């Protein structure tokens, strides 16, 4: 993970803790990333990279954070199934 992605991850985690917000649903995460239940981890990861970089260029930190939270949600799900990142 490069420094900018790591910074967004830290900020997202800190904001979620401060707000006490509930976790993102799997359905919302899939909608944000534009993937389905049948998408592989590689497809999810590729979609995340495209959306994250697109929002980095347009300067939308809010959307970048949503994309990152969606990836985290689905990463946990795929890791539980033994299909996520190594």
PDB file of N, CA and C in Angstrom:
ATOM      1  N   UNK A   1       0.849  -1.171   0.000  1.00  0.00           N
ATOM      2  CA  UNK A   1       0.000   0.000   0.000  1.00  0.00           C
ATOM      3  C   UNK A   1       0.891   1.228   0.000  1.00  0.00           C
ATOM      4  N   UNK A   2       0.656   2.149  -0.910  1.00  0.00           N
ATOM      5  CA  UNK A   2       1.512   3.324  -0.936  1.00  0.00           C
ATOM      6  C   UNK A   2       1.094   4.320   0.144  1.00  0.00           C
ATOM      7  N   UNK A   3       1.905   5.346   0.324  1.00  0.00           N
ATOM      8  CA  UNK A   3       1.706   6.287   1.424  1.00  0.00           C
ATOM      9  C   UNK A   3       0.359   6.989   1.367  1.00  0.00           C
ATOM     10  N   UNK A   4      -0.099   7.396   0.176  1.00  0.00           N
ATOM     11  CA  UNK A   4      -1.375   8.107   0.103  1.00  0.00           C
ATOM     12  C   UNK A   4      -2.545   7.203   0.467  1.00  0.00           C
ATOM     13  N   UNK A   5      -2.496   5.953   0.048  1.00  0.00           N
ATOM     14  CA  UNK A   5      -3.567   5.019   0.400  1.00  0.00           C
ATOM     15  C   UNK A   5      -3.535   4.729   1.894  1.00  0.00           C
ATOM     16  N   UNK A   6      -2.334   4.607   2.456  1.00  0.00           N
ATOM     17  CA  UNK A   6      -2.205   4.349   3.882  1.00  0.00           C
ATOM     18  C   UNK A   6      -2.743   5.525   4.685  1.00  0.00           C
ATOM     19  N   UNK A   7      -2.476   6.742   4.235  1.00  0.00           N
ATOM     20  CA  UNK A   7      -2.986   7.929   4.916  1.00  0.00           C
ATOM     21  C   UNK A   7      -4.498   7.971   4.914  1.00  0.00           C
ATOM     22  N   UNK A   8      -5.104   7.630   3.790  1.00  0.00           N
ATOM     23  CA  UNK A   8      -6.566   7.600   3.702  1.00  0.00           C
ATOM     24  C   UNK A   8      -7.126   6.518   4.615  1.00  0.00           C
ATOM     25  N   UNK A   9      -6.438   5.378   4.653  1.00  0.00           N
ATOM     26  CA  UNK A   9      -6.900   4.289   5.515  1.00  0.00           C
ATOM     27  C   UNK A   9      -6.907   4.736   6.974  1.00  0.00           C
ATOM     28  N   UNK A  10      -5.824   5.370   7.408  1.00  0.00           N
ATOM     29  CA  UNK A  10      -5.734   5.844   8.790  1.00  0.00           C
ATOM     30  C   UNK A  10      -6.824   6.865   9.084  1.00  0.00           C
ATOM     31  N   UNK A  11      -7.001   7.820   8.193  1.00  0.00           N
ATOM     32  CA  UNK A  11      -8.014   8.865   8.376  1.00  0.00           C
ATOM     33  C   UNK A  11      -9.414   8.256   8.439  1.00  0.00           C
ATOM     34  N   UNK A  12      -9.686   7.303   7.577  1.00  0.00           N
ATOM     35  CA  UNK A  12     -10.988   6.646   7.554  1.00  0.00           C
ATOM     36  C   UNK A  12     -11.256   5.922   8.865  1.00  0.00           C
ATOM     37  N   UNK A  13     -10.267   5.202   9.344  1.00  0.00           N
ATOM     38  CA  UNK A  13     -10.418   4.468  10.602  1.00  0.00           C
ATOM     39  C   UNK A  13     -10.649   5.436  11.752  1.00  0.00           C
ATOM     40  N   UNK A  14      -9.864   6.507  11.809  1.00  0.00           N
ATOM     41  CA  UNK A  14     -10.008   7.486  12.886  1.00  0.00           C
ATOM     42  C   UNK A  14     -11.374   8.150  12.852  1.00  0.00           C
ATOM     43  N   UNK A  15     -11.850   8.504  11.662  1.00  0.00           N
ATOM     44  CA  UNK A  15     -13.165   9.127  11.542  1.00  0.00           C
ATOM     45  C   UNK A  15     -14.271   8.176  11.973  1.00  0.00           C
ATOM     46  N   UNK A  16     -14.166   6.921  11.613  1.00  0.00           N
ATOM     47  CA  UNK A  16     -15.188   5.938  11.988  1.00  0.00           C
ATOM     48  C   UNK A  16     -15.222   5.762  13.496  1.00  0.00           C
ATOM     49  N   UNK A  17     -14.065   5.743  14.116  1.00  0.00           N
ATOM     50  CA  UNK A  17     -14.005   5.594  15.572  1.00  0.00           C
ATOM     51  C   UNK A  17     -14.607   6.821  16.245  1.00  0.00           C
ATOM     52  N   UNK A  18     -14.267   8.009  15.761  1.00  0.00           N
ATOM     53  CA  UNK A  18     -14.796   9.245  16.349  1.00  0.00           C
ATOM     54  C   UNK A  18     -16.309   9.333  16.227  1.00  0.00           C
ATOM     55  N   UNK A  19     -16.832   8.956  15.076  1.00  0.00           N
ATOM     56  CA  UNK A  19     -18.274   9.038  14.841  1.00  0.00           C
ATOM     57  C   UNK A  19     -19.028   7.900  15.504  1.00  0.00           C
ATOM     58  N   UNK A  20     -18.334   6.801  15.760  1.00  0.00           N
ATOM     59  CA  UNK A  20     -19.012   5.638  16.304  1.00  0.00           C
ATOM     60  C   UNK A  20     -19.989   5.049  15.305  1.00  0.00           C
ATOM     61  N   UNK A  21     -19.696   5.240  14.023  1.00  0.00           N
ATOM     62  CA  UNK A  21     -20.619   4.786  12.988  1.00  0.00           C
ATOM     63  C   UNK A  21     -20.595   3.269  12.871  1.00  0.00           C
ATOM     64  N   UNK A  22     -21.725   2.750  12.412  1.00  0.00           N
ATOM     65  CA  UNK A  22     -21.772   1.309  12.202  1.00  0.00           C
ATOM     66  C   UNK A  22     -21.042   0.953  10.921  1.00  0.00           C
ATOM     67  N   UNK A  23     -20.673  -0.286  10.821  1.00  0.00           N
ATOM     68  CA  UNK A  23     -19.906  -0.748   9.664  1.00  0.00           C
ATOM     69  C   UNK A  23     -20.752  -0.659   8.395  1.00  0.00           C
ATOM     70  N   UNK A  24     -20.078  -0.513   7.285  1.00  0.00           N
ATOM     71  CA  UNK A  24     -20.733  -0.480   5.981  1.00  0.00           C
ATOM     72  C   UNK A  24     -21.281  -1.865   5.663  1.00  0.00           C
ATOM     73  N   UNK A  25     -22.455  -1.918   5.085  1.00  0.00           N
ATOM     74  CA  UNK A  25     -23.031  -3.211   4.709  1.00  0.00           C
ATOM     75  C   UNK A  25     -22.332  -3.745   3.461  1.00  0.00           C
ATOM     76  N   UNK A  26     -22.386  -5.054   3.302  1.00  0.00           N
ATOM     77  CA  UNK A  26     -21.793  -5.684   2.113  1.00  0.00           C
ATOM     78  C   UNK A  26     -22.465  -5.171   0.846  1.00  0.00           C
ATOM     79  N   UNK A  27     -23.778  -4.986   0.914  1.00  0.00           N
ATOM     80  CA  UNK A  27     -24.520  -4.503  -0.254  1.00  0.00           C
ATOM     81  C   UNK A  27     -24.065  -3.094  -0.637  1.00  0.00           C
ATOM     82  N   UNK A  28     -23.922  -2.206   0.347  1.00  0.00           N
ATOM     83  CA  UNK A  28     -23.470  -0.854   0.069  1.00  0.00           C
ATOM     84  C   UNK A  28     -22.051  -0.864  -0.499  1.00  0.00           C
ATOM     85  N   UNK A  29     -21.187  -1.706   0.078  1.00  0.00           N
ATOM     86  CA  UNK A  29     -19.804  -1.803  -0.396  1.00  0.00           C
ATOM     87  C   UNK A  29     -19.764  -2.245  -1.853  1.00  0.00           C
ATOM     88  N   UNK A  30     -20.590  -3.222  -2.207  1.00  0.00           N
ATOM     89  CA  UNK A  30     -20.627  -3.699  -3.590  1.00  0.00           C
ATOM     90  C   UNK A  30     -21.146  -2.614  -4.530  1.00  0.00           C
ATOM     91  N   UNK A  31     -22.151  -1.864  -4.080  1.00  0.00           N
ATOM     92  CA  UNK A  31     -22.692  -0.790  -4.910  1.00  0.00           C
ATOM     93  C   UNK A  31     -21.638   0.287  -5.160  1.00  0.00           C
ATOM     94  N   UNK A  32     -20.909   0.650  -4.133  1.00  0.00           N
ATOM     95  CA  UNK A  32     -19.878   1.686  -4.260  1.00  0.00           C
ATOM     96  C   UNK A  32     -18.806   1.266  -5.251  1.00  0.00           C
ATOM     97  N   UNK A  33     -18.378   0.015  -5.151  1.00  0.00           N
ATOM     98  CA  UNK A  33     -17.312  -0.455  -6.031  1.00  0.00           C
ATOM     99  C   UNK A  33     -17.824  -0.949  -7.382  1.00  0.00           C
ATOM    100  N   UNK A  34     -19.130  -1.139  -7.511  1.00  0.00           N
ATOM    101  CA  UNK A  34     -19.689  -1.601  -8.772  1.00  0.00           C
ATOM    102  C   UNK A  34     -19.374  -3.054  -9.057  1.00  0.00           C
ATOM    103  N   UNK A  35     -19.433  -3.888  -8.019  1.00  0.00           N
ATOM    104  CA  UNK A  35     -19.159  -5.315  -8.165  1.00  0.00           C
ATOM    105  C   UNK A  35     -20.374  -6.109  -7.682  1.00  0.00           C
ATOM    106  N   UNK A  36     -20.340  -7.408  -7.912  1.00  0.00           N
ATOM    107  CA  UNK A  36     -21.441  -8.270  -7.490  1.00  0.00           C
ATOM    108  C   UNK A  36     -20.952  -9.276  -6.451  1.00  0.00           C
ATOM    109  N   UNK A  37     -21.882 -10.068  -5.942  1.00  0.00           N
ATOM    110  CA  UNK A  37     -21.538 -11.121  -4.984  1.00  0.00           C
ATOM    111  C   UNK A  37     -20.581 -12.135  -5.599  1.00  0.00           C
ATOM    112  N   UNK A  38     -20.643 -12.293  -6.905  1.00  0.00           N
ATOM    113  CA  UNK A  38     -19.816 -13.295  -7.583  1.00  0.00           C
ATOM    114  C   UNK A  38     -18.456 -12.763  -8.020  1.00  0.00           C
ATOM    115  N   UNK A  39     -18.198 -11.483  -7.782  1.00  0.00           N
ATOM    116  CA  UNK A  39     -16.907 -10.898  -8.175  1.00  0.00           C
ATOM    117  C   UNK A  39     -15.775 -11.529  -7.379  1.00  0.00           C
ATOM    118  N   UNK A  40     -14.667 -11.768  -8.062  1.00  0.00           N
ATOM    119  CA  UNK A  40     -13.490 -12.321  -7.391  1.00  0.00           C
ATOM    120  C   UNK A  40     -12.772 -11.207  -6.641  1.00  0.00           C
ATOM    121  N   UNK A  41     -11.854 -11.619  -5.747  1.00  0.00           N
ATOM    122  CA  UNK A  41     -11.087 -10.611  -5.029  1.00  0.00           C
ATOM    123  C   UNK A  41     -10.255  -9.768  -6.003  1.00  0.00           C
ATOM    124  N   UNK A  42      -9.718 -10.382  -7.038  1.00  0.00           N
ATOM    125  CA  UNK A  42      -8.941  -9.635  -8.029  1.00  0.00           C
ATOM    126  C   UNK A  42      -9.792  -8.564  -8.715  1.00  0.00           C
ATOM    127  N   UNK A  43     -11.023  -8.894  -9.062  1.00  0.00           N
ATOM    128  CA  UNK A  43     -11.927  -7.923  -9.687  1.00  0.00           C
ATOM    129  C   UNK A  43     -12.225  -6.772  -8.734  1.00  0.00           C
ATOM    130  N   UNK A  44     -12.460  -7.109  -7.472  1.00  0.00           N
ATOM    131  CA  UNK A  44     -12.748  -6.088  -6.462  1.00  0.00           C
ATOM    132  C   UNK A  44     -11.535  -5.174  -6.290  1.00  0.00           C
ATOM    133  N   UNK A  45     -10.375  -5.766  -6.198  1.00  0.00           N
ATOM    134  CA  UNK A  45      -9.145  -5.011  -6.009  1.00  0.00           C
ATOM    135  C   UNK A  45      -8.862  -4.084  -7.192  1.00  0.00           C
ATOM    136  N   UNK A  46      -9.066  -4.585  -8.398  1.00  0.00           N
ATOM    137  CA  UNK A  46      -8.865  -3.760  -9.588  1.00  0.00           C
ATOM    138  C   UNK A  46      -9.843  -2.587  -9.617  1.00  0.00           C
ATOM    139  N   UNK A  47     -11.082  -2.866  -9.289  1.00  0.00           N
ATOM    140  CA  UNK A  47     -12.107  -1.811  -9.279  1.00  0.00           C
ATOM    141  C   UNK A  47     -11.778  -0.753  -8.227  1.00  0.00           C
ATOM    142  N   UNK A  48     -11.324  -1.216  -7.061  1.00  0.00           N
ATOM    143  CA  UNK A  48     -10.908  -0.305  -5.999  1.00  0.00           C
ATOM    144  C   UNK A  48      -9.794   0.616  -6.498  1.00  0.00           C
ATOM    145  N   UNK A  49      -8.768   0.038  -7.115  1.00  0.00           N
ATOM    146  CA  UNK A  49      -7.633   0.835  -7.582  1.00  0.00           C
ATOM    147  C   UNK A  49      -8.066   1.915  -8.573  1.00  0.00           C
ATOM    148  N   UNK A  50      -8.936   1.557  -9.503  1.00  0.00           N
ATOM    149  CA  UNK A  50      -9.420   2.512 -10.503  1.00  0.00           C
ATOM    150  C   UNK A  50     -10.183   3.650  -9.827  1.00  0.00           C
ATOM    151  N   UNK A  51     -11.118   3.298  -8.948  1.00  0.00           N
ATOM    152  CA  UNK A  51     -11.951   4.320  -8.301  1.00  0.00           C
ATOM    153  C   UNK A  51     -11.143   5.174  -7.333  1.00  0.00           C
ATOM    154  N   UNK A  52     -10.223   4.564  -6.613  1.00  0.00           N
ATOM    155  CA  UNK A  52      -9.404   5.302  -5.655  1.00  0.00           C
ATOM    156  C   UNK A  52      -8.560   6.346  -6.390  1.00  0.00           C
ATOM    157  N   UNK A  53      -7.894   5.926  -7.448  1.00  0.00           N
ATOM    158  CA  UNK A  53      -7.043   6.848  -8.209  1.00  0.00           C
ATOM    159  C   UNK A  53      -7.865   7.933  -8.899  1.00  0.00           C
ATOM    160  N   UNK A  54      -9.014   7.564  -9.423  1.00  0.00           N
ATOM    161  CA  UNK A  54      -9.884   8.549 -10.083  1.00  0.00           C
ATOM    162  C   UNK A  54     -10.283   9.645  -9.098  1.00  0.00           C
ATOM    163  N   UNK A  55     -10.610   9.262  -7.871  1.00  0.00           N
ATOM    164  CA  UNK A  55     -11.020  10.251  -6.876  1.00  0.00           C
ATOM    165  C   UNK A  55      -9.830  10.998  -6.292  1.00  0.00           C
ATOM    166  N   UNK A  56      -8.650  10.423  -6.349  1.00  0.00           N
ATOM    167  CA  UNK A  56      -7.441  11.131  -5.924  1.00  0.00           C
ATOM    168  C   UNK A  56      -7.185  12.292  -6.881  1.00  0.00           C
ATOM    169  N   UNK A  57      -7.415  12.065  -8.170  1.00  0.00           N
ATOM    170  CA  UNK A  57      -7.178  13.099  -9.180  1.00  0.00           C
ATOM    171  C   UNK A  57      -8.238  14.191  -9.124  1.00  0.00           C
ATOM    172  N   UNK A  58      -9.489  13.819  -8.842  1.00  0.00           N
ATOM    173  CA  UNK A  58     -10.565  14.809  -8.815  1.00  0.00           C
ATOM    174  C   UNK A  58     -10.630  15.537  -7.475  1.00  0.00           C
ATOM    175  N   UNK A  59      -9.888  15.046  -6.490  1.00  0.00           N
ATOM    176  CA  UNK A  59      -9.818  15.727  -5.210  1.00  0.00           C
ATOM    177  C   UNK A  59     -10.975  15.455  -4.273  1.00  0.00           C
ATOM    178  N   UNK A  60     -11.720  14.386  -4.487  1.00  0.00           N
ATOM    179  CA  UNK A  60     -12.842  14.085  -3.609  1.00  0.00           C
ATOM    180  C   UNK A  60     -12.415  13.117  -2.506  1.00  0.00           C
ATOM    181  N   UNK A  61     -12.014  13.677  -1.367  1.00  0.00           N
ATOM    182  CA  UNK A  61     -11.590  12.858  -0.245  1.00  0.00           C
ATOM    183  C   UNK A  61     -12.757  12.022   0.291  1.00  0.00           C
ATOM    184  N   UNK A  62     -13.963  12.594   0.280  1.00  0.00           N
ATOM    185  CA  UNK A  62     -15.144  11.875   0.763  1.00  0.00           C
ATOM    186  C   UNK A  62     -15.360  10.599  -0.049  1.00  0.00           C
ATOM    187  N   UNK A  63     -15.354  10.723  -1.371  1.00  0.00           N
ATOM    188  CA  UNK A  63     -15.563   9.541  -2.217  1.00  0.00           C
ATOM    189  C   UNK A  63     -14.408   8.560  -2.084  1.00  0.00           C
ATOM    190  N   UNK A  64     -13.205   9.074  -1.968  1.00  0.00           N
ATOM    191  CA  UNK A  64     -12.042   8.220  -1.777  1.00  0.00           C
ATOM    192  C   UNK A  64     -12.212   7.405  -0.488  1.00  0.00           C
ATOM    193  N   UNK A  65     -12.694   8.047   0.546  1.00  0.00           N
ATOM    194  CA  UNK A  65     -12.906   7.360   1.826  1.00  0.00           C
ATOM    195  C   UNK A  65     -13.980   6.285   1.708  1.00  0.00           C
ATOM    196  N   UNK A  66     -15.063   6.593   1.001  1.00  0.00           N
ATOM    197  CA  UNK A  66     -16.123   5.605   0.802  1.00  0.00           C
ATOM    198  C   UNK A  66     -15.605   4.393   0.029  1.00  0.00           C
ATOM    199  N   UNK A  67     -14.812   4.645  -1.002  1.00  0.00           N
ATOM    200  CA  UNK A  67     -14.236   3.563  -1.798  1.00  0.00           C
ATOM    201  C   UNK A  67     -13.332   2.700  -0.919  1.00  0.00           C
ATOM    202  N   UNK A  68     -12.536   3.352  -0.100  1.00  0.00           N
ATOM    203  CA  UNK A  68     -11.626   2.608   0.768  1.00  0.00           C
ATOM    204  C   UNK A  68     -12.402   1.773   1.798  1.00  0.00           C
ATOM    205  N   UNK A  69     -13.422   2.349   2.397  1.00  0.00           N
ATOM    206  CA  UNK A  69     -14.239   1.608   3.367  1.00  0.00           C
ATOM    207  C   UNK A  69     -14.947   0.428   2.709  1.00  0.00           C
ATOM    208  N   UNK A  70     -15.382   0.612   1.469  1.00  0.00           N
ATOM    209  CA  UNK A  70     -16.036  -0.480   0.746  1.00  0.00           C
ATOM    210  C   UNK A  70     -15.059  -1.630   0.533  1.00  0.00           C
ATOM    211  N   UNK A  71     -13.839  -1.295   0.138  1.00  0.00           N
ATOM    212  CA  UNK A  71     -12.820  -2.329  -0.063  1.00  0.00           C
ATOM    213  C   UNK A  71     -12.537  -3.062   1.244  1.00  0.00           C
ATOM    214  N   UNK A  72     -12.408  -2.326   2.341  1.00  0.00           N
ATOM    215  CA  UNK A  72     -12.159  -2.957   3.639  1.00  0.00           C
ATOM    216  C   UNK A  72     -13.271  -3.921   4.021  1.00  0.00           C
ATOM    217  N   UNK A  73     -14.506  -3.519   3.781  1.00  0.00           N
ATOM    218  CA  UNK A  73     -15.658  -4.358   4.099  1.00  0.00           C
ATOM    219  C   UNK A  73     -15.609  -5.666   3.318  1.00  0.00           C
ATOM    220  N   UNK A  74     -15.373  -5.562   2.019  1.00  0.00           N
ATOM    221  CA  UNK A  74     -15.352  -6.757   1.177  1.00  0.00           C
ATOM    222  C   UNK A  74     -14.086  -7.574   1.389  1.00  0.00           C
ATOM    223  N   UNK A  75     -13.005  -6.905   1.755  1.00  0.00           N
ATOM    224  CA  UNK A  75     -11.760  -7.617   2.047  1.00  0.00           C
ATOM    225  C   UNK A  75     -11.961  -8.546   3.244  1.00  0.00           C
ATOM    226  N   UNK A  76     -12.630  -8.053   4.265  1.00  0.00           N
ATOM    227  CA  UNK A  76     -12.902  -8.874   5.440  1.00  0.00           C
ATOM    228  C   UNK A  76     -13.764 -10.074   5.069  1.00  0.00           C
ATOM    229  N   UNK A  77     -14.758  -9.856   4.241  1.00  0.00           N
ATOM    230  CA  UNK A  77     -15.649 -10.932   3.810  1.00  0.00           C
ATOM    231  C   UNK A  77     -14.884 -11.990   3.012  1.00  0.00           C
ATOM    232  N   UNK A  78     -14.069 -11.564   2.076  1.00  0.00           N
ATOM    233  CA  UNK A  78     -13.313 -12.500   1.245  1.00  0.00           C
ATOM    234  C   UNK A  78     -12.224 -13.209   2.043  1.00  0.00           C
ATOM    235  N   UNK A  79     -11.639 -12.519   3.012  1.00  0.00           N
ATOM    236  CA  UNK A  79     -10.626 -13.147   3.860  1.00  0.00           C
ATOM    237  C   UNK A  79     -11.244 -14.248   4.695  1.00  0.00           C
ATOM    238  N   UNK A  80     -12.452 -14.016   5.209  1.00  0.00           N
ATOM    239  CA  UNK A  80     -13.169 -15.043   5.970  1.00  0.00           C
ATOM    240  C   UNK A  80     -13.395 -16.287   5.129  1.00  0.00           C
ATOM    241  N   UNK A  81     -13.625 -16.085   3.856  1.00  0.00           N
ATOM    242  CA  UNK A  81     -13.890 -17.203   2.935  1.00  0.00           C
ATOM    243  C   UNK A  81     -12.606 -17.808   2.392  1.00  0.00           C
ATOM    244  N   UNK A  82     -11.461 -17.226   2.753  1.00  0.00           N
ATOM    245  CA  UNK A  82     -10.184 -17.722   2.252  1.00  0.00           C
ATOM    246  C   UNK A  82      -9.911 -17.301   0.820  1.00  0.00           C
ATOM    247  N   UNK A  83     -10.572 -16.219   0.361  1.00  0.00           N
ATOM    248  CA  UNK A  83     -10.420 -15.775  -1.023  1.00  0.00           C
ATOM    249  C   UNK A  83      -9.764 -14.415  -1.114  1.00  0.00           C
ATOM    250  N   UNK A  84      -9.490 -13.789   0.011  1.00  0.00           N
ATOM    251  CA  UNK A  84      -8.977 -12.427   0.018  1.00  0.00           C
ATOM    252  C   UNK A  84      -7.476 -12.366  -0.180  1.00  0.00           C
ATOM    253  N   UNK A  85      -6.932 -11.181   0.106  1.00  0.00           N
ATOM    254  CA  UNK A  85      -5.493 -10.977  -0.088  1.00  0.00           C
ATOM    255  C   UNK A  85      -4.681 -11.871   0.853  1.00  0.00           C
ATOM    256  N   UNK A  86      -3.487 -12.165   0.449  1.00  0.00           N
ATOM    257  CA  UNK A  86      -2.632 -13.053   1.228  1.00  0.00           C
ATOM    258  C   UNK A  86      -1.863 -12.278   2.255  1.00  0.00           C
TER     259      UNK A  86
END
